[in-house]
Each structure stands twice: as structure tokens, then as C-alpha cells.
Amino acid sequence: MLKEYMDKKGNEYAPFDKTRVHRIYALLKPHIKEAKYRVHIMGTNGKGSTGRFITQSLHEAGFSVLHFTSPHLFEYKERFFINDKDVDSKTLEKAHEFLQSFDFITEASYFEYSFFLCLVLAKGFDYLVAEAGVGGEYDATSCISYQASIYTPIDFDHKDYLGDTLESIATTKLKAMQGLTFIGKQQDIVKNIAKDIARTKDIKLVFQTSPCNEVKAYALKYHLYPFLESNLTLASLFLDSIKVPLLTKPLSLRGRLERLKENLYIDVGHNAHAARNLTSIFKDIVLIYNTYKDKDYEEILKILKPVVKEVLIYKVDNYRILDLKTLQSTLDKLDIKHGLYNGKALKSSDTYVVFGSFSLIEAFLKEYEDKK
């Protein structure tokens, strides 16, 4: 069974090996038929929504398409969005059984195996929209060829893997560019690195500009926040290049500053860029928060402090979560009022934003749905 296999795979230590995924893919490639047109989405924030805007647009235009994304909120199958819904369990299990017929596949890490499942599921499709995991040039998703690359905003995140300067982070991501490459809103240093790499690779760059009238109309109709409108603008540039019209239906993706009710929002933001997006939208909020210990949580809280009246710490059972005392002492250091979330009814006079890791949003949503 796939679930048991992936649970075991997730607990295994897979040392960093930039050649492993390429070795496995070379052995697997003769046995699969890749999607005809492959799109690679990289960046720090906005990959999921940008990819989903593209995927839904392609489906509405009559194309078969798979959107590979990560991580998932509730179920593993959420990583494989086929046409207009998550893959069904039976189809996913068959893809797993196919991969298990190859002895060499056992070497793959959790994320590498997930991507190989994606390639099997996208067999013969018109389009594959693949979202990178952590990196760029050494990411598992970079083992195949692409006709187009799309870069959402690049900022600080995963410093332990990508480096602690914006230049190093941008370089490793941008080195993965292939085919016609679309560059979303970026700082000047990132744009310059993109131009240098594109010149070396003889790749044409398309830089994001102001939203077109169709994007503005869609954003107005569905009340998109500025960062989502920006992601849609980037998606529209790619869609224009292949002459596919913009989607007409609402975005089908949970947790992207999603409003659960009048004064309650959830957002899977977990880095400084996402925090800055929040400060441009809200003020005087109660932040329901927790974070992974490998995130730059002090910097994130510094950014959020001007718009936060209180932080309620939501306890999450996950080995990656920061220990409670460290989070409390950080909030004390920043002079931010805080307490523990107790599950009681939220005050109608306050605005609450649940912001942080995917595991936080998952835990909160499960509790919220159970109470309905």
C-alpha cells in the first residue's frame, strides 16, 4: 500500500545526493511516456497558486493536465491535481504498483518518489505543471526537460539548503531555467542574476508587467488579494504565450489567505515574504501561530509585529515544530503580547489570522471542521 510505503519513506534519512534522482530517472525514462508540454514552476512564494491558475485554465480550454505540488494539507493525493480534482486513490495506487516493479526505485527519497509518481500519472497528458520543492538546479523536479520555466518571487527561505544570501538562493533556483522563462516580481539583484544566466544559456526571458484587463476583471470578480492577483498576472503571461485564455472559475486551492468566515482567515505562509504580504492587507489582528524550528521565525514575527495585537500559540504535534518555550521567549524578546490558543469561541470584534506551517493549518482546519 502506498500510504505505508510513504510513511516509512518519510522516516528514512536520505542524504543529499545531487546525482541520485538523475540516475533513477535515466533508468525509469524508457518505461514512461511523459506529458507533451512540461512547465516548471520555481520560486519562494506563490508557486502553488500560480500553478493552479495555469492548470485550471488549461483544463477549461480542453487540455489534459496534471499539477504536481507540495506539501499537502490533509491527504497525500492532494499533491497530484489532475484536470479539476485530486487524483483518485485507485489510480494513485496503480502508479505506485508500477514503480514498485523496478528494483532501482527503492533508492529514491520521499520527494523524489513523489515526483516519479507524478511522471507516471501524467503519462501521455497534454501538460504537466510541476512545482519545485525546496530548490532549483538540484531539485528532484529538475531531472526532466521543460519547454517553459516560471519564477514566482524569490526571497529568503530554506537557508540551510540554499544559502544565507539572496544572491545564493536566487542563483541555485535560476540555474534550473529551461525553455521560455517567465520572471515574476523580483528584487533587482534577482533580475540581474536571471539575465546573466539566461544570456549564458541563450534563453529568452519574459518579465512580469502590470496586470491586463482580463486579470483585473477576474481579481475584482473573485476578490483576489494583491499577491494572488500578482500570481495570476504571472500565470497569464505564460497562458498568453500558448494562446490559452484565462480561467473563469474560482481558484481551487486551500489555505492561500482563505477566509473561513467574516473574521477568520488561514494562510500557509511560513517565511518573511509571506509575512510582508500579510502586513499589506491587515492591521490590528490576533495571530494564531506556530512554526517549524528551521524557519526564520524571529524575523517573521518582527515583520508582523506592527499589525499584530496578540499572538495565540496553537500547539501542533509535529517533530519539526519549534518548542513552546523558545517561541514564548522570542515573543517576550520582541515585546509581543501572547498566550495559548484554547479552542474557545473567537471574539466577533477581533480579526483572526491563522498563519504558519502546513501542519498548523492542517491541525487548525481539522479542529474547525469538527466543530461545525
Protein backbone atom coordinates (compact mmCIF):
# COMPACT_ATOMS: atom_id res chain seq x y z
CA MET A 1 0.00 0.00 0.00
CA LEU A 2 1.23 3.47 -0.90
CA LYS A 3 0.42 5.07 2.46
CA GLU A 4 2.50 2.59 4.45
CA TYR A 5 5.33 2.85 1.93
CA MET A 6 5.43 6.64 2.06
CA ASP A 7 5.12 6.75 5.85
CA LYS A 8 8.20 4.53 6.04
CA LYS A 9 9.96 6.52 3.32
CA GLY A 10 9.27 9.76 5.20
CA ASN A 11 11.02 8.44 8.28
CA GLU A 12 14.12 7.37 6.39
CA TYR A 13 17.19 9.55 6.18
CA ALA A 14 18.04 10.32 2.56
CA PRO A 15 21.45 12.06 2.39
CA PHE A 16 21.77 14.87 -0.13
CA ASP A 17 22.92 13.44 -3.44
CA LYS A 18 22.51 15.69 -6.47
CA THR A 19 23.06 12.80 -8.89
CA ARG A 20 20.66 10.24 -7.38
CA VAL A 21 17.42 11.49 -8.94
CA HIS A 22 19.09 11.70 -12.36
CA ARG A 23 20.40 8.12 -12.08
CA ILE A 24 16.96 6.80 -11.17
CA TYR A 25 15.22 8.85 -13.85
CA ALA A 26 17.59 7.59 -16.55
CA LEU A 27 16.54 4.03 -15.68
CA LEU A 28 12.84 4.89 -15.46
CA LYS A 29 12.57 7.09 -18.57
CA PRO A 30 12.34 4.24 -21.15
CA HIS A 31 9.28 2.90 -19.34
CA ILE A 32 7.15 6.06 -19.18
CA LYS A 33 5.59 8.42 -21.69
CA GLU A 34 6.00 11.98 -20.48
CA ALA A 35 3.43 14.73 -20.86
CA LYS A 36 3.80 16.54 -24.19
CA TYR A 37 4.37 20.02 -22.73
CA ARG A 38 6.10 20.45 -19.39
CA VAL A 39 6.10 23.62 -17.29
CA HIS A 40 8.45 24.10 -14.32
CA ILE A 41 7.43 26.49 -11.52
CA MET A 42 10.08 27.69 -9.08
CA GLY A 43 10.42 30.47 -6.53
CA THR A 44 9.84 31.10 -2.84
CA ASN A 45 6.20 32.13 -2.60
CA GLY A 46 3.19 31.74 -4.86
CA LYS A 47 4.21 28.55 -6.68
CA GLY A 48 1.05 26.68 -5.73
CA SER A 49 -1.47 29.34 -6.75
CA THR A 50 0.42 30.27 -9.93
CA GLY A 51 0.50 26.63 -10.98
CA ARG A 52 -3.15 26.10 -10.12
CA PHE A 53 -4.24 29.18 -12.09
CA ILE A 54 -2.42 27.71 -15.11
CA THR A 55 -3.77 24.20 -14.55
CA GLN A 56 -7.38 25.29 -14.24
CA SER A 57 -7.04 27.49 -17.33
CA LEU A 58 -5.62 24.59 -19.36
CA HIS A 59 -8.40 22.26 -18.21
CA GLU A 60 -11.11 24.79 -19.07
CA ALA A 61 -9.54 25.06 -22.54
CA GLY A 62 -9.94 21.30 -23.03
CA PHE A 63 -6.41 20.06 -22.32
CA SER A 64 -5.44 17.17 -20.08
CA VAL A 65 -3.14 18.43 -17.32
CA LEU A 66 -1.54 17.33 -14.07
CA HIS A 67 -0.42 19.82 -11.43
CA PHE A 68 2.25 18.45 -9.10
CA THR A 69 2.51 20.44 -5.88
CA SER A 70 3.76 20.05 -2.31
CA PRO A 71 3.36 19.70 0.56
CA HIS A 72 -0.20 18.51 1.14
CA LEU A 73 -2.66 19.69 3.79
CA PHE A 74 -4.73 16.61 4.61
CA GLU A 75 -4.06 13.77 2.19
CA TYR A 76 -1.03 12.77 0.14
CA LYS A 77 -3.12 12.58 -3.04
CA GLU A 78 -3.53 16.39 -2.94
CA ARG A 79 -0.05 16.58 -4.48
CA PHE A 80 -1.45 15.28 -7.77
CA PHE A 81 -4.22 17.50 -9.14
CA ILE A 82 -5.49 16.04 -12.40
CA ASN A 83 -7.62 18.29 -14.62
CA ASP A 84 -10.06 19.60 -11.99
CA LYS A 85 -9.61 17.42 -8.90
CA ASP A 86 -7.14 15.43 -6.84
CA VAL A 87 -6.16 12.04 -8.24
CA ASP A 88 -8.38 9.20 -7.02
CA SER A 89 -6.83 6.69 -4.62
CA LYS A 90 -7.15 3.74 -7.01
CA THR A 91 -5.27 5.49 -9.82
CA LEU A 92 -2.55 6.63 -7.41
CA GLU A 93 -2.19 3.09 -6.04
CA LYS A 94 -1.75 1.74 -9.58
CA ALA A 95 1.03 4.24 -10.25
CA HIS A 96 2.71 3.09 -7.03
CA GLU A 97 2.43 -0.56 -8.10
CA PHE A 98 4.02 0.32 -11.44
CA LEU A 99 7.01 1.99 -9.77
CA GLN A 100 7.41 -0.94 -7.39
CA SER A 101 8.13 -3.20 -10.35
CA PHE A 102 11.57 -1.57 -10.62
CA ASP A 103 14.21 -2.52 -8.04
CA PHE A 104 16.14 0.73 -8.54
CA ILE A 105 13.21 2.84 -7.31
CA THR A 106 13.86 1.95 -3.65
CA GLU A 107 16.81 4.35 -3.67
CA ALA A 108 14.54 7.37 -4.18
CA SER A 109 13.85 9.80 -1.33
CA TYR A 110 10.29 10.72 -0.27
CA PHE A 111 10.11 13.74 -2.57
CA GLU A 112 11.89 12.02 -5.45
CA TYR A 113 9.45 9.11 -5.28
CA SER A 114 6.55 11.56 -5.23
CA PHE A 115 7.83 13.20 -8.39
CA PHE A 116 8.25 9.85 -10.13
CA LEU A 117 4.64 9.04 -9.22
CA CYS A 118 3.72 12.34 -10.86
CA LEU A 119 5.51 11.38 -14.08
CA VAL A 120 3.69 8.04 -14.19
CA LEU A 121 0.32 9.70 -13.54
CA ALA A 122 0.93 12.32 -16.27
CA LYS A 123 1.61 9.65 -18.90
CA GLY A 124 0.56 10.97 -22.30
CA PHE A 125 -1.09 14.11 -20.89
CA ASP A 126 -1.07 17.35 -22.84
CA TYR A 127 0.53 19.30 -19.97
CA LEU A 128 2.48 18.74 -16.79
CA VAL A 129 2.75 21.70 -14.41
CA ALA A 130 5.46 20.76 -11.93
CA GLU A 131 6.17 22.77 -8.80
CA ALA A 132 9.72 22.54 -7.45
CA GLY A 133 10.25 21.53 -3.86
CA VAL A 134 12.95 23.41 -1.96
CA GLY A 135 15.49 24.31 -4.59
CA GLY A 136 16.14 24.68 -8.27
CA GLU A 137 19.13 23.15 -10.03
CA TYR A 138 19.36 20.24 -7.56
CA ASP A 139 15.64 19.79 -7.00
CA ALA A 140 14.13 16.41 -7.95
CA THR A 141 11.79 18.15 -10.38
CA SER A 142 14.80 19.36 -12.38
CA CYS A 143 15.67 15.87 -13.61
CA ILE A 144 13.39 16.18 -16.66
CA SER A 145 13.33 18.67 -19.54
CA TYR A 146 10.84 21.54 -19.73
CA GLN A 147 9.56 23.76 -22.51
CA ALA A 148 8.90 26.63 -20.10
CA SER A 149 10.05 27.83 -16.67
CA ILE A 150 8.13 30.20 -14.40
CA TYR A 151 9.67 32.02 -11.44
CA THR A 152 7.47 33.39 -8.68
CA PRO A 153 9.06 35.89 -6.24
CA ILE A 154 12.39 34.66 -4.87
CA ASP A 155 13.20 35.56 -1.28
CA PHE A 156 14.81 34.14 1.85
CA ASP A 157 13.77 30.62 2.89
CA HIS A 158 15.44 27.25 3.48
CA LYS A 159 18.75 28.96 4.22
CA ASP A 160 20.26 25.69 5.45
CA TYR A 161 19.82 24.21 1.96
CA LEU A 162 20.06 27.19 -0.37
CA GLY A 163 22.47 29.57 1.33
CA ASP A 164 22.06 32.60 3.56
CA THR A 165 22.22 35.36 0.94
CA LEU A 166 19.58 36.32 -1.60
CA GLU A 167 22.23 36.01 -4.30
CA SER A 168 22.99 32.36 -3.45
CA ILE A 169 19.30 31.46 -3.14
CA ALA A 170 18.41 33.12 -6.44
CA THR A 171 21.38 31.60 -8.26
CA THR A 172 20.61 27.98 -7.37
CA LYS A 173 16.95 28.45 -8.32
CA LEU A 174 17.59 30.36 -11.55
CA LYS A 175 20.24 27.92 -12.79
CA ALA A 176 17.39 25.46 -13.36
CA MET A 177 15.73 27.61 -16.03
CA GLN A 178 14.87 25.83 -19.27
CA GLY A 179 12.92 26.95 -22.32
CA LEU A 180 10.96 30.19 -22.46
CA THR A 181 11.31 31.63 -18.96
CA PHE A 182 8.85 33.91 -17.18
CA ILE A 183 10.10 36.05 -14.31
CA GLY A 184 7.62 37.28 -11.70
CA LYS A 185 8.08 40.32 -9.47
CA GLN A 186 11.67 40.25 -8.20
CA GLN A 187 14.24 42.41 -6.50
CA ASP A 188 16.82 43.95 -8.85
CA ILE A 189 19.59 41.58 -7.75
CA VAL A 190 17.43 38.60 -8.72
CA LYS A 191 16.57 40.13 -12.11
CA ASN A 192 20.25 40.72 -12.86
CA ILE A 193 21.18 37.13 -11.97
CA ALA A 194 18.34 35.89 -14.18
CA LYS A 195 19.63 37.96 -17.10
CA ASP A 196 23.19 36.67 -16.66
CA ILE A 197 22.11 33.02 -16.54
CA ALA A 198 19.70 33.45 -19.45
CA ARG A 199 22.47 35.02 -21.53
CA THR A 200 24.76 32.07 -20.80
CA LYS A 201 22.05 29.53 -21.67
CA ASP A 202 20.68 31.52 -24.63
CA ILE A 203 17.21 31.61 -23.05
CA LYS A 204 14.55 34.23 -23.68
CA LEU A 205 13.15 35.94 -20.57
CA VAL A 206 9.68 37.44 -20.18
CA PHE A 207 9.35 39.78 -17.20
CA GLN A 208 6.08 40.33 -15.36
CA THR A 209 4.38 43.64 -16.08
CA SER A 210 1.15 45.26 -14.93
CA PRO A 211 -1.96 43.05 -14.96
CA CYS A 212 -4.01 43.01 -18.15
CA ASN A 213 -7.72 43.85 -18.17
CA GLU A 214 -8.72 40.17 -18.03
CA VAL A 215 -6.65 39.65 -14.88
CA LYS A 216 -8.07 42.80 -13.29
CA ALA A 217 -11.63 41.68 -14.06
CA TYR A 218 -11.01 38.20 -12.60
CA ALA A 219 -9.35 39.66 -9.50
CA LEU A 220 -12.29 42.00 -8.98
CA LYS A 221 -14.88 39.25 -9.50
CA TYR A 222 -13.27 36.86 -7.00
CA HIS A 223 -11.90 39.48 -4.59
CA LEU A 224 -8.28 38.40 -5.00
CA TYR A 225 -5.72 39.82 -2.62
CA PRO A 226 -2.85 41.74 -4.28
CA PHE A 227 -0.37 38.86 -4.02
CA LEU A 228 -2.82 36.46 -5.68
CA GLU A 229 -3.55 38.98 -8.42
CA SER A 230 0.20 39.21 -8.97
CA ASN A 231 0.47 35.41 -9.23
CA LEU A 232 -2.43 35.39 -11.70
CA THR A 233 -0.67 38.07 -13.75
CA LEU A 234 2.43 35.88 -13.97
CA ALA A 235 0.32 32.87 -14.92
CA SER A 236 -1.42 34.91 -17.62
CA LEU A 237 1.90 35.72 -19.31
CA PHE A 238 2.56 32.02 -19.83
CA LEU A 239 -1.03 31.37 -20.93
CA ASP A 240 -0.77 34.18 -23.48
CA SER A 241 2.37 32.58 -24.91
CA ILE A 242 0.46 29.36 -25.68
CA LYS A 243 -2.75 31.21 -26.64
CA VAL A 244 -4.87 29.76 -23.84
CA PRO A 245 -7.50 32.03 -22.25
CA LEU A 246 -7.58 32.78 -18.53
CA LEU A 247 -9.71 30.59 -16.31
CA THR A 248 -13.25 31.68 -15.46
CA LYS A 249 -13.86 29.62 -12.31
CA PRO A 250 -12.53 30.47 -8.82
CA LEU A 251 -9.12 29.22 -7.69
CA SER A 252 -9.34 25.65 -6.38
CA LEU A 253 -6.62 25.62 -3.71
CA ARG A 254 -6.94 25.66 0.06
CA GLY A 255 -5.07 27.78 2.57
CA ARG A 256 -3.96 30.73 0.44
CA LEU A 257 -5.26 33.50 2.70
CA GLU A 258 -8.57 31.67 2.66
CA ARG A 259 -11.47 33.25 4.53
CA LEU A 260 -13.30 30.71 6.68
CA LYS A 261 -15.76 33.26 8.00
CA GLU A 262 -16.10 37.03 8.33
CA ASN A 263 -13.26 37.49 10.83
CA LEU A 264 -11.19 34.30 10.40
CA TYR A 265 -8.53 33.62 7.77
CA ILE A 266 -5.98 30.84 7.21
CA ASP A 267 -2.71 31.15 5.31
CA VAL A 268 0.11 28.67 4.75
CA GLY A 269 2.67 31.47 4.82
CA HIS A 270 5.87 30.46 6.58
CA ASN A 271 8.55 32.92 5.53
CA ALA A 272 9.37 36.62 5.51
CA HIS A 273 7.90 37.27 2.08
CA ALA A 274 4.53 35.83 3.11
CA ALA A 275 4.64 37.86 6.33
CA ARG A 276 5.14 41.07 4.35
CA ASN A 277 2.11 40.18 2.23
CA LEU A 278 0.03 39.96 5.42
CA THR A 279 1.15 43.38 6.65
CA SER A 280 -0.04 44.94 3.39
CA ILE A 281 -3.54 43.53 3.89
CA PHE A 282 -4.31 43.51 7.62
CA LYS A 283 -3.85 45.62 10.72
CA ASP A 284 -4.64 45.01 14.39
CA ILE A 285 -5.06 41.22 14.09
CA VAL A 286 -4.93 38.33 16.52
CA LEU A 287 -2.33 35.96 15.05
CA ILE A 288 -2.87 32.25 15.64
CA TYR A 289 0.63 30.95 15.08
CA ASN A 290 3.20 28.22 15.22
CA THR A 291 6.29 27.49 13.19
CA TYR A 292 8.85 24.89 12.21
CA LYS A 293 12.10 25.29 14.11
CA ASP A 294 14.13 25.63 10.89
CA LYS A 295 12.23 28.77 9.83
CA ASP A 296 13.40 32.33 10.47
CA TYR A 297 10.58 32.81 12.98
CA GLU A 298 12.11 35.78 14.80
CA GLU A 299 12.40 37.75 11.56
CA ILE A 300 8.86 36.75 10.57
CA LEU A 301 7.46 37.93 13.91
CA LYS A 302 9.42 41.20 13.65
CA ILE A 303 7.77 41.86 10.30
CA LEU A 304 4.31 41.03 11.64
CA LYS A 305 4.63 42.92 14.93
CA PRO A 306 3.22 46.27 13.65
CA VAL A 307 -0.08 44.63 12.64
CA VAL A 308 -0.44 42.12 15.49
CA LYS A 309 -2.23 42.95 18.75
CA GLU A 310 -1.72 39.46 20.21
CA VAL A 311 -0.30 36.06 19.29
CA LEU A 312 -2.15 32.90 20.26
CA ILE A 313 0.17 29.89 20.08
CA TYR A 314 -1.56 26.86 18.59
CA LYS A 315 0.01 23.62 19.78
CA VAL A 316 0.91 21.27 16.92
CA ASP A 317 2.05 17.67 17.30
CA ASN A 318 4.91 17.54 14.81
CA TYR A 319 8.60 16.82 15.43
CA ARG A 320 9.59 19.78 13.24
CA ILE A 321 7.65 22.32 15.32
CA LEU A 322 9.59 24.82 17.44
CA ASP A 323 9.46 24.04 21.15
CA LEU A 324 6.96 26.12 23.11
CA LYS A 325 9.43 27.78 25.49
CA THR A 326 11.63 29.04 22.66
CA LEU A 327 8.65 30.54 20.86
CA GLN A 328 7.39 32.17 24.05
CA SER A 329 10.81 33.65 24.86
CA THR A 330 11.09 35.01 21.31
CA LEU A 331 7.71 36.72 21.66
CA ASP A 332 8.79 38.14 25.03
CA LYS A 333 12.01 39.43 23.47
CA LEU A 334 10.00 41.18 20.75
CA ASP A 335 7.55 42.53 23.33
CA ILE A 336 4.56 40.90 21.62
CA LYS A 337 1.59 40.00 23.81
CA HIS A 338 0.93 36.28 23.65
CA GLY A 339 -0.98 33.35 25.12
CA LEU A 340 -2.04 29.82 24.26
CA TYR A 341 -4.92 29.11 21.91
CA ASN A 342 -7.58 27.35 23.98
CA GLY A 343 -10.15 26.46 21.33
CA LYS A 344 -12.84 28.70 22.77
CA ALA A 345 -15.15 30.77 20.58
CA LEU A 346 -13.40 33.63 18.82
CA LYS A 347 -14.48 37.18 19.61
CA SER A 348 -16.61 38.73 16.88
CA SER A 349 -14.89 42.07 17.48
CA ASP A 350 -11.43 40.73 16.53
CA THR A 351 -9.91 39.61 13.24
CA TYR A 352 -8.02 36.32 13.45
CA VAL A 353 -5.37 35.07 11.03
CA VAL A 354 -4.03 31.52 11.32
CA PHE A 355 -0.58 31.82 9.77
CA GLY A 356 2.33 29.39 9.63
CA SER A 357 3.33 25.89 8.60
CA PHE A 358 1.18 23.47 6.62
CA SER A 359 0.92 21.27 9.71
CA LEU A 360 -0.51 24.21 11.69
CA ILE A 361 -3.15 24.92 9.03
CA GLU A 362 -3.97 21.21 8.80
CA ALA A 363 -4.43 20.88 12.58
CA PHE A 364 -6.48 24.07 12.86
CA LEU A 365 -8.73 23.19 9.91
CA LYS A 366 -9.43 19.72 11.27
CA GLU A 367 -10.47 21.18 14.62
CA TYR A 368 -12.51 23.90 12.93
CA GLU A 369 -14.34 21.46 10.65
CA ASP A 370 -15.05 19.08 13.55
CA LYS A 371 -16.77 21.89 15.46
CA LYS A 372 -19.06 22.86 12.57
